[in-house]
Amino acid sequence: MSQKYLTAFRQFDKDDSGAISIEELRIILEDDDEFSPEDVAKMLSDVDADKSGEISYEEFEKLVEKYLK
């Protein structure tokens, strides 16, 4: 596993669960005013490979590479 985005992942993972929930993702991205609730839902859907409703670190790397760079 790459450690490239580990610091950012930890900032998103507010409850230290090891995964980012849709709520945690929304809080950060929607506060930016660049992303709508629909944008955030699409991001989650696109990168949530196991359909858990949360983003693992590996899925987070994909999200950053695809949407946040």
C-alpha atoms as a PDB file:
ATOM      1  CA  MET A   1       0.000   0.000   0.000  1.00  0.00           C
ATOM      2  CA  SER A   2       1.282   3.425  -0.951  1.00  0.00           C
ATOM      3  CA  GLN A   3       1.591   6.032   1.783  1.00  0.00           C
ATOM      4  CA  LYS A   4       1.276   8.916  -0.687  1.00  0.00           C
ATOM      5  CA  TYR A   5      -2.029  10.263   0.632  1.00  0.00           C
ATOM      6  CA  LEU A   6      -2.017   8.865   4.170  1.00  0.00           C
ATOM      7  CA  THR A   7      -2.001  12.256   5.916  1.00  0.00           C
ATOM      8  CA  ALA A   8      -4.976  13.458   3.883  1.00  0.00           C
ATOM      9  CA  PHE A   9      -6.802  10.172   4.472  1.00  0.00           C
ATOM     10  CA  ARG A  10      -6.380  10.549   8.215  1.00  0.00           C
ATOM     11  CA  GLN A  11      -7.793  14.095   8.041  1.00  0.00           C
ATOM     12  CA  PHE A  12     -10.908  12.807   6.251  1.00  0.00           C
ATOM     13  CA  ASP A  13     -11.269   9.811   8.606  1.00  0.00           C
ATOM     14  CA  LYS A  14     -12.520  11.879  11.550  1.00  0.00           C
ATOM     15  CA  ASP A  15     -13.508   8.906  13.730  1.00  0.00           C
ATOM     16  CA  ASP A  16     -10.278   6.951  13.102  1.00  0.00           C
ATOM     17  CA  SER A  17     -12.264   3.948  11.867  1.00  0.00           C
ATOM     18  CA  GLY A  18      -9.832   3.190   9.047  1.00  0.00           C
ATOM     19  CA  ALA A  19     -12.428   4.145   6.439  1.00  0.00           C
ATOM     20  CA  ILE A  20     -14.072   7.356   5.300  1.00  0.00           C
ATOM     21  CA  SER A  21     -17.844   7.393   5.570  1.00  0.00           C
ATOM     22  CA  ILE A  22     -20.061   9.267   3.136  1.00  0.00           C
ATOM     23  CA  GLU A  23     -20.779  11.726   5.944  1.00  0.00           C
ATOM     24  CA  GLU A  24     -17.078  12.392   6.541  1.00  0.00           C
ATOM     25  CA  LEU A  25     -16.532  12.849   2.812  1.00  0.00           C
ATOM     26  CA  ARG A  26     -19.497  15.219   2.505  1.00  0.00           C
ATOM     27  CA  ILE A  27     -18.447  17.360   5.464  1.00  0.00           C
ATOM     28  CA  ILE A  28     -15.072  18.122   3.945  1.00  0.00           C
ATOM     29  CA  LEU A  29     -15.931  18.330   0.257  1.00  0.00           C
ATOM     30  CA  GLU A  30     -19.238  20.182   0.529  1.00  0.00           C
ATOM     31  CA  ASP A  31     -17.674  22.768   2.858  1.00  0.00           C
ATOM     32  CA  ASP A  32     -15.370  23.583  -0.048  1.00  0.00           C
ATOM     33  CA  ASP A  33     -18.408  24.737  -2.116  1.00  0.00           C
ATOM     34  CA  GLU A  34     -16.776  23.157  -5.156  1.00  0.00           C
ATOM     35  CA  PHE A  35     -18.675  19.887  -4.802  1.00  0.00           C
ATOM     36  CA  SER A  36     -22.440  19.386  -4.577  1.00  0.00           C
ATOM     37  CA  PRO A  37     -24.051  16.521  -2.641  1.00  0.00           C
ATOM     38  CA  GLU A  38     -24.602  14.804  -5.987  1.00  0.00           C
ATOM     39  CA  ASP A  39     -20.889  15.161  -6.849  1.00  0.00           C
ATOM     40  CA  VAL A  40     -19.906  13.577  -3.546  1.00  0.00           C
ATOM     41  CA  ALA A  41     -22.350  10.688  -4.035  1.00  0.00           C
ATOM     42  CA  LYS A  42     -20.974  10.069  -7.543  1.00  0.00           C
ATOM     43  CA  MET A  43     -17.389  10.079  -6.252  1.00  0.00           C
ATOM     44  CA  LEU A  44     -18.265   7.522  -3.605  1.00  0.00           C
ATOM     45  CA  SER A  45     -20.109   5.355  -6.098  1.00  0.00           C
ATOM     46  CA  ASP A  46     -17.199   5.481  -8.545  1.00  0.00           C
ATOM     47  CA  VAL A  47     -14.473   4.509  -6.094  1.00  0.00           C
ATOM     48  CA  ASP A  48     -16.309   2.295  -3.580  1.00  0.00           C
ATOM     49  CA  ALA A  49     -15.263  -0.966  -5.244  1.00  0.00           C
ATOM     50  CA  ASP A  50     -16.607  -3.229  -2.491  1.00  0.00           C
ATOM     51  CA  LYS A  51     -19.867  -1.233  -2.196  1.00  0.00           C
ATOM     52  CA  SER A  52     -19.448  -0.922   1.570  1.00  0.00           C
ATOM     53  CA  GLY A  53     -20.634   2.686   1.648  1.00  0.00           C
ATOM     54  CA  GLU A  54     -17.231   3.701   2.989  1.00  0.00           C
ATOM     55  CA  ILE A  55     -13.907   4.473   1.370  1.00  0.00           C
ATOM     56  CA  SER A  56     -10.858   2.429   2.336  1.00  0.00           C
ATOM     57  CA  TYR A  57      -7.385   3.881   1.979  1.00  0.00           C
ATOM     58  CA  GLU A  58      -6.896   2.150  -1.375  1.00  0.00           C
ATOM     59  CA  GLU A  59     -10.212   3.530  -2.621  1.00  0.00           C
ATOM     60  CA  PHE A  60      -9.237   6.973  -1.289  1.00  0.00           C
ATOM     61  CA  GLU A  61      -6.092   6.934  -3.418  1.00  0.00           C
ATOM     62  CA  LYS A  62      -8.283   6.339  -6.479  1.00  0.00           C
ATOM     63  CA  LEU A  63     -10.628   9.152  -5.465  1.00  0.00           C
ATOM     64  CA  VAL A  64      -7.759  11.625  -5.101  1.00  0.00           C
ATOM     65  CA  GLU A  65      -6.189  10.613  -8.401  1.00  0.00           C
ATOM     66  CA  LYS A  66      -9.500  10.853 -10.258  1.00  0.00           C
ATOM     67  CA  TYR A  67     -11.211  13.881  -8.668  1.00  0.00           C
ATOM     68  CA  LEU A  68      -9.007  15.912  -6.347  1.00  0.00           C
ATOM     69  CA  LYS A  69      -5.673  16.382  -8.056  1.00  0.00           C
END
